[in-house]
Amino acid sequence: MSKRILITGAGRRLGKVLAGHYLDQGWQVVAHYNSANELADHPSLTCLQADLANVEALRNLAQQLPGLGQFDAVIHNASCFVPDVAASDLIAHHEMHQRVHVLAPAVITEALSSVWNRAASMVCISDIYADIPNQRFSAYCAAKAGLQNFALSMAQRLAGRVRVNVIQPGPIQFLPEHDEAYRNKVLSQSLIGEELGYGAIIQACDYLLAAEALSGTVMRVDGGRFVANRYDQTFIS
């Protein structure tokens, strides 16, 4: 019988690539998405829509999960990334980041408490900003740090049932709006000095899902940026 994995934020970008990868590996994939869903239909794919910043939508999503069967893995990938300067309402700005990055993983994890298969695994996608925050994105950084702390707490709580680990991505995949000057500056602050692509995160997820001896681990997948230097917080993203 094939394994089942839940991936949040799976409608596009990294989440979409992760969902496609695990479908190719023969998994049953439950793909959560917010508004955009670029995934093609597949007999092993179940798509669930929810705005994780909306408490009622989150509750509805959580109520659906136990009815889908037993789960072998979860990747908490859903994210929002808004600079503080763009916030028109500071309270709403922080609440949005906290709900997506901390509350949603907590509610989803609780919803799955009775449907974990033996030797299940959870991966939380944090950020190197969780340890070296950027003042331009204080709400995002605080929320990602909260997600990381939540994951390590769950590694303790779920010990013996679910292995829980964290991935801290760095400059993995540039967006179309990132110009050449920005890309060169970011890569200059990396030991590897190359755009790694989403494949680097897929490799890390594969390893953590399979590594029976690892729980409570924080893995940096950043090309060495964390130790290369402290990035310049003033350049424009």
Foldseek 3Di string as FASTA:
>chain_A
DAAEEEEEQLQDDLNVVLQVVVVVVVHQYEYEHEPHHPHDDDPSYHYDYALQLDPVRLVVVLVCPVVVAAHQEYELDDADFDWPVPDPDNVSLLSSRQRSQPVSVVSNVVSNPVRYDALGEYEYEAALCCVVPFNRGVSNNVNSVNNLVVQLVVCVVCPRGYAGEYEHEAQADDDPPQDPVNLQLLLVLAQQSDRNHSVLVSVVVVCRSPPSPHHSYYHYHYNRNSPSDRHDSPDDD
